[in-house]
Amino acid sequence: MRESVIYQDILQEGLEQGIQQNTQEIAIKMINKGINLEIIVDVTGLTIEQVQKLQAQTEDTQPQ
């Protein structure tokens, strides 16, 4: 049975969101390990702005 184009689009979008979420989780772990942001950008493919935003969010959730 052939899946509809809409189903394929939804499936693809879900896969892309999952990959993006996984990439962000990896970046957060790297940030928590103290890895240089430029290395995180290079390894994950995220932009420096995205990594900085994740870093700020991580700092906001750290116990003080």
PDB file of N, CA and C in Angstrom:
ATOM      1  N   MET A   1       0.844  -1.190   0.000  1.00  0.00           N
ATOM      2  CA  MET A   1       0.000   0.000   0.000  1.00  0.00           C
ATOM      3  C   MET A   1       0.883   1.246   0.000  1.00  0.00           C
ATOM      4  N   ARG A   2       0.563   2.158  -0.869  1.00  0.00           N
ATOM      5  CA  ARG A   2       1.321   3.412  -0.943  1.00  0.00           C
ATOM      6  C   ARG A   2       0.797   4.397   0.065  1.00  0.00           C
ATOM      7  N   GLU A   3       1.719   4.999   0.813  1.00  0.00           N
ATOM      8  CA  GLU A   3       1.308   6.009   1.773  1.00  0.00           C
ATOM      9  C   GLU A   3       1.073   7.327   1.054  1.00  0.00           C
ATOM     10  N   SER A   4       0.191   8.111   1.608  1.00  0.00           N
ATOM     11  CA  SER A   4      -0.116   9.393   0.982  1.00  0.00           C
ATOM     12  C   SER A   4       1.052  10.364   1.134  1.00  0.00           C
ATOM     13  N   VAL A   5       1.059  11.349   0.292  1.00  0.00           N
ATOM     14  CA  VAL A   5       2.089  12.384   0.335  1.00  0.00           C
ATOM     15  C   VAL A   5       2.018  13.125   1.674  1.00  0.00           C
ATOM     16  N   ILE A   6       0.821  13.373   2.157  1.00  0.00           N
ATOM     17  CA  ILE A   6       0.649  14.060   3.441  1.00  0.00           C
ATOM     18  C   ILE A   6       1.251  13.231   4.556  1.00  0.00           C
ATOM     19  N   TYR A   7       1.000  11.931   4.559  1.00  0.00           N
ATOM     20  CA  TYR A   7       1.571  11.048   5.582  1.00  0.00           C
ATOM     21  C   TYR A   7       3.090  11.092   5.520  1.00  0.00           C
ATOM     22  N   GLN A   8       3.662  11.042   4.337  1.00  0.00           N
ATOM     23  CA  GLN A   8       5.110  11.094   4.169  1.00  0.00           C
ATOM     24  C   GLN A   8       5.677  12.416   4.680  1.00  0.00           C
ATOM     25  N   ASP A   9       4.970  13.521   4.406  1.00  0.00           N
ATOM     26  CA  ASP A   9       5.412  14.832   4.892  1.00  0.00           C
ATOM     27  C   ASP A   9       5.396  14.889   6.415  1.00  0.00           C
ATOM     28  N   ILE A  10       4.343  14.353   7.022  1.00  0.00           N
ATOM     29  CA  ILE A  10       4.231  14.342   8.481  1.00  0.00           C
ATOM     30  C   ILE A  10       5.329  13.472   9.081  1.00  0.00           C
ATOM     31  N   LEU A  11       5.553  12.326   8.497  1.00  0.00           N
ATOM     32  CA  LEU A  11       6.596  11.422   8.969  1.00  0.00           C
ATOM     33  C   LEU A  11       7.968  12.083   8.874  1.00  0.00           C
ATOM     34  N   GLN A  12       8.253  12.717   7.753  1.00  0.00           N
ATOM     35  CA  GLN A  12       9.536  13.398   7.558  1.00  0.00           C
ATOM     36  C   GLN A  12       9.718  14.525   8.565  1.00  0.00           C
ATOM     37  N   GLU A  13       8.669  15.291   8.794  1.00  0.00           N
ATOM     38  CA  GLU A  13       8.745  16.395   9.754  1.00  0.00           C
ATOM     39  C   GLU A  13       9.019  15.861  11.165  1.00  0.00           C
ATOM     40  N   GLY A  14       8.383  14.781  11.519  1.00  0.00           N
ATOM     41  CA  GLY A  14       8.617  14.168  12.826  1.00  0.00           C
ATOM     42  C   GLY A  14      10.042  13.675  12.977  1.00  0.00           C
ATOM     43  N   LEU A  15      10.566  13.064  11.940  1.00  0.00           N
ATOM     44  CA  LEU A  15      11.957  12.604  11.970  1.00  0.00           C
ATOM     45  C   LEU A  15      12.926  13.773  12.134  1.00  0.00           C
ATOM     46  N   GLU A  16      12.677  14.841  11.403  1.00  0.00           N
ATOM     47  CA  GLU A  16      13.552  16.015  11.483  1.00  0.00           C
ATOM     48  C   GLU A  16      13.499  16.643  12.870  1.00  0.00           C
ATOM     49  N   GLN A  17      12.320  16.691  13.475  1.00  0.00           N
ATOM     50  CA  GLN A  17      12.191  17.241  14.826  1.00  0.00           C
ATOM     51  C   GLN A  17      12.934  16.372  15.827  1.00  0.00           C
ATOM     52  N   GLY A  18      12.855  15.073  15.660  1.00  0.00           N
ATOM     53  CA  GLY A  18      13.555  14.158  16.551  1.00  0.00           C
ATOM     54  C   GLY A  18      15.063  14.307  16.432  1.00  0.00           C
ATOM     55  N   ILE A  19      15.541  14.455  15.234  1.00  0.00           N
ATOM     56  CA  ILE A  19      16.977  14.655  15.017  1.00  0.00           C
ATOM     57  C   ILE A  19      17.425  15.968  15.647  1.00  0.00           C
ATOM     58  N   GLN A  20      16.643  17.018  15.457  1.00  0.00           N
ATOM     59  CA  GLN A  20      16.982  18.327  16.022  1.00  0.00           C
ATOM     60  C   GLN A  20      17.010  18.265  17.551  1.00  0.00           C
ATOM     61  N   GLN A  21      16.030  17.589  18.137  1.00  0.00           N
ATOM     62  CA  GLN A  21      15.982  17.470  19.594  1.00  0.00           C
ATOM     63  C   GLN A  21      17.192  16.688  20.106  1.00  0.00           C
ATOM     64  N   ASN A  22      17.542  15.611  19.436  1.00  0.00           N
ATOM     65  CA  ASN A  22      18.699  14.816  19.822  1.00  0.00           C
ATOM     66  C   ASN A  22      19.987  15.631  19.714  1.00  0.00           C
ATOM     67  N   THR A  23      20.118  16.408  18.657  1.00  0.00           N
ATOM     68  CA  THR A  23      21.290  17.258  18.470  1.00  0.00           C
ATOM     69  C   THR A  23      21.401  18.271  19.599  1.00  0.00           C
ATOM     70  N   GLN A  24      20.280  18.851  19.991  1.00  0.00           N
ATOM     71  CA  GLN A  24      20.292  19.821  21.087  1.00  0.00           C
ATOM     72  C   GLN A  24      20.663  19.156  22.407  1.00  0.00           C
ATOM     73  N   GLU A  25      20.180  17.949  22.635  1.00  0.00           N
ATOM     74  CA  GLU A  25      20.525  17.226  23.859  1.00  0.00           C
ATOM     75  C   GLU A  25      22.025  16.926  23.902  1.00  0.00           C
ATOM     76  N   ILE A  26      22.598  16.569  22.774  1.00  0.00           N
ATOM     77  CA  ILE A  26      24.042  16.324  22.702  1.00  0.00           C
ATOM     78  C   ILE A  26      24.800  17.621  22.984  1.00  0.00           C
ATOM     79  N   ALA A  27      24.345  18.719  22.396  1.00  0.00           N
ATOM     80  CA  ALA A  27      24.998  20.010  22.625  1.00  0.00           C
ATOM     81  C   ALA A  27      24.939  20.390  24.103  1.00  0.00           C
ATOM     82  N   ILE A  28      23.819  20.155  24.756  1.00  0.00           N
ATOM     83  CA  ILE A  28      23.678  20.470  26.183  1.00  0.00           C
ATOM     84  C   ILE A  28      24.664  19.643  26.997  1.00  0.00           C
ATOM     85  N   LYS A  29      24.798  18.381  26.676  1.00  0.00           N
ATOM     86  CA  LYS A  29      25.768  17.542  27.393  1.00  0.00           C
ATOM     87  C   LYS A  29      27.183  18.072  27.197  1.00  0.00           C
ATOM     88  N   MET A  30      27.486  18.506  25.985  1.00  0.00           N
ATOM     89  CA  MET A  30      28.809  19.046  25.712  1.00  0.00           C
ATOM     90  C   MET A  30      29.035  20.348  26.477  1.00  0.00           C
ATOM     91  N   ILE A  31      28.015  21.185  26.534  1.00  0.00           N
ATOM     92  CA  ILE A  31      28.100  22.433  27.298  1.00  0.00           C
ATOM     93  C   ILE A  31      28.369  22.113  28.764  1.00  0.00           C
ATOM     94  N   ASN A  32      27.644  21.148  29.300  1.00  0.00           N
ATOM     95  CA  ASN A  32      27.809  20.767  30.704  1.00  0.00           C
ATOM     96  C   ASN A  32      29.195  20.197  30.990  1.00  0.00           C
ATOM     97  N   LYS A  33      29.857  19.653  29.981  1.00  0.00           N
ATOM     98  CA  LYS A  33      31.218  19.126  30.132  1.00  0.00           C
ATOM     99  C   LYS A  33      32.268  20.219  29.954  1.00  0.00           C
ATOM    100  N   GLY A  34      31.820  21.431  29.616  1.00  0.00           N
ATOM    101  CA  GLY A  34      32.743  22.544  29.476  1.00  0.00           C
ATOM    102  C   GLY A  34      33.455  22.601  28.134  1.00  0.00           C
ATOM    103  N   ILE A  35      32.902  21.946  27.147  1.00  0.00           N
ATOM    104  CA  ILE A  35      33.526  21.942  25.822  1.00  0.00           C
ATOM    105  C   ILE A  35      33.314  23.300  25.152  1.00  0.00           C
ATOM    106  N   ASN A  36      34.333  23.775  24.488  1.00  0.00           N
ATOM    107  CA  ASN A  36      34.314  25.058  23.805  1.00  0.00           C
ATOM    108  C   ASN A  36      33.128  25.137  22.840  1.00  0.00           C
ATOM    109  N   LEU A  37      32.458  26.297  22.846  1.00  0.00           N
ATOM    110  CA  LEU A  37      31.266  26.465  22.010  1.00  0.00           C
ATOM    111  C   LEU A  37      31.567  26.299  20.521  1.00  0.00           C
ATOM    112  N   GLU A  38      32.730  26.734  20.088  1.00  0.00           N
ATOM    113  CA  GLU A  38      33.072  26.595  18.675  1.00  0.00           C
ATOM    114  C   GLU A  38      33.202  25.120  18.279  1.00  0.00           C
ATOM    115  N   ILE A  39      33.679  24.299  19.188  1.00  0.00           N
ATOM    116  CA  ILE A  39      33.761  22.860  18.928  1.00  0.00           C
ATOM    117  C   ILE A  39      32.353  22.270  18.864  1.00  0.00           C
ATOM    118  N   ILE A  40      31.487  22.705  19.765  1.00  0.00           N
ATOM    119  CA  ILE A  40      30.098  22.216  19.764  1.00  0.00           C
ATOM    120  C   ILE A  40      29.423  22.565  18.446  1.00  0.00           C
ATOM    121  N   VAL A  41      29.631  23.778  17.971  1.00  0.00           N
ATOM    122  CA  VAL A  41      29.069  24.209  16.686  1.00  0.00           C
ATOM    123  C   VAL A  41      29.581  23.317  15.566  1.00  0.00           C
ATOM    124  N   ASP A  42      30.873  23.056  15.574  1.00  0.00           N
ATOM    125  CA  ASP A  42      31.491  22.242  14.522  1.00  0.00           C
ATOM    126  C   ASP A  42      30.960  20.811  14.546  1.00  0.00           C
ATOM    127  N   VAL A  43      30.830  20.242  15.736  1.00  0.00           N
ATOM    128  CA  VAL A  43      30.423  18.838  15.858  1.00  0.00           C
ATOM    129  C   VAL A  43      28.933  18.651  15.575  1.00  0.00           C
ATOM    130  N   THR A  44      28.103  19.556  16.101  1.00  0.00           N
ATOM    131  CA  THR A  44      26.653  19.363  16.005  1.00  0.00           C
ATOM    132  C   THR A  44      26.027  19.948  14.746  1.00  0.00           C
ATOM    133  N   GLY A  45      26.688  20.952  14.157  1.00  0.00           N
ATOM    134  CA  GLY A  45      26.093  21.620  13.005  1.00  0.00           C
ATOM    135  C   GLY A  45      25.102  22.700  13.392  1.00  0.00           C
ATOM    136  N   LEU A  46      24.937  22.924  14.696  1.00  0.00           N
ATOM    137  CA  LEU A  46      24.080  24.018  15.150  1.00  0.00           C
ATOM    138  C   LEU A  46      24.803  25.338  14.906  1.00  0.00           C
ATOM    139  N   THR A  47      24.052  26.430  14.888  1.00  0.00           N
ATOM    140  CA  THR A  47      24.683  27.737  14.762  1.00  0.00           C
ATOM    141  C   THR A  47      25.207  28.167  16.127  1.00  0.00           C
ATOM    142  N   ILE A  48      26.110  29.130  16.130  1.00  0.00           N
ATOM    143  CA  ILE A  48      26.633  29.644  17.389  1.00  0.00           C
ATOM    144  C   ILE A  48      25.500  30.241  18.225  1.00  0.00           C
ATOM    145  N   GLU A  49      24.539  30.874  17.561  1.00  0.00           N
ATOM    146  CA  GLU A  49      23.402  31.461  18.271  1.00  0.00           C
ATOM    147  C   GLU A  49      22.574  30.378  18.960  1.00  0.00           C
ATOM    148  N   GLN A  50      22.350  29.262  18.273  1.00  0.00           N
ATOM    149  CA  GLN A  50      21.587  28.162  18.867  1.00  0.00           C
ATOM    150  C   GLN A  50      22.314  27.591  20.077  1.00  0.00           C
ATOM    151  N   VAL A  51      23.616  27.439  19.972  1.00  0.00           N
ATOM    152  CA  VAL A  51      24.397  26.883  21.075  1.00  0.00           C
ATOM    153  C   VAL A  51      24.417  27.857  22.246  1.00  0.00           C
ATOM    154  N   GLN A  52      24.559  29.142  21.964  1.00  0.00           N
ATOM    155  CA  GLN A  52      24.543  30.138  23.034  1.00  0.00           C
ATOM    156  C   GLN A  52      23.193  30.161  23.747  1.00  0.00           C
ATOM    157  N   LYS A  53      22.131  29.999  22.990  1.00  0.00           N
ATOM    158  CA  LYS A  53      20.791  29.962  23.587  1.00  0.00           C
ATOM    159  C   LYS A  53      20.662  28.739  24.496  1.00  0.00           C
ATOM    160  N   LEU A  54      21.142  27.594  24.042  1.00  0.00           N
ATOM    161  CA  LEU A  54      21.114  26.382  24.872  1.00  0.00           C
ATOM    162  C   LEU A  54      21.967  26.573  26.122  1.00  0.00           C
ATOM    163  N   GLN A  55      23.100  27.241  25.971  1.00  0.00           N
ATOM    164  CA  GLN A  55      23.980  27.496  27.109  1.00  0.00           C
ATOM    165  C   GLN A  55      23.258  28.380  28.131  1.00  0.00           C
ATOM    166  N   ALA A  56      22.576  29.411  27.668  1.00  0.00           N
ATOM    167  CA  ALA A  56      21.841  30.299  28.571  1.00  0.00           C
ATOM    168  C   ALA A  56      20.731  29.537  29.286  1.00  0.00           C
ATOM    169  N   GLN A  57      20.039  28.680  28.560  1.00  0.00           N
ATOM    170  CA  GLN A  57      18.966  27.884  29.172  1.00  0.00           C
ATOM    171  C   GLN A  57      19.538  26.929  30.207  1.00  0.00           C
ATOM    172  N   THR A  58      20.700  26.359  29.912  1.00  0.00           N
ATOM    173  CA  THR A  58      21.348  25.435  30.826  1.00  0.00           C
ATOM    174  C   THR A  58      21.767  26.150  32.098  1.00  0.00           C
ATOM    175  N   GLU A  59      22.309  27.362  31.944  1.00  0.00           N
ATOM    176  CA  GLU A  59      22.723  28.143  33.110  1.00  0.00           C
ATOM    177  C   GLU A  59      21.528  28.536  33.956  1.00  0.00           C
ATOM    178  N   ASP A  60      20.378  28.802  33.308  1.00  0.00           N
ATOM    179  CA  ASP A  60      19.166  29.165  34.040  1.00  0.00           C
ATOM    180  C   ASP A  60      18.628  28.017  34.867  1.00  0.00           C
ATOM    181  N   THR A  61      18.907  26.782  34.482  1.00  0.00           N
ATOM    182  CA  THR A  61      18.363  25.625  35.201  1.00  0.00           C
ATOM    183  C   THR A  61      19.341  25.045  36.209  1.00  0.00           C
ATOM    184  N   GLN A  62      20.575  25.586  36.263  1.00  0.00           N
ATOM    185  CA  GLN A  62      21.575  25.088  37.205  1.00  0.00           C
ATOM    186  C   GLN A  62      21.205  25.553  38.610  1.00  0.00           C
ATOM    187  N   PRO A  63      21.323  24.664  39.619  1.00  0.00           N
ATOM    188  CA  PRO A  63      21.069  25.080  40.990  1.00  0.00           C
ATOM    189  C   PRO A  63      22.127  26.088  41.444  1.00  0.00           C
ATOM    190  N   GLN A  64      21.691  27.030  42.231  1.00  0.00           N
ATOM    191  CA  GLN A  64      22.618  28.073  42.665  1.00  0.00           C
ATOM    192  C   GLN A  64      23.029  27.921  44.086  1.00  0.00           C
TER     193      GLN A  64
END
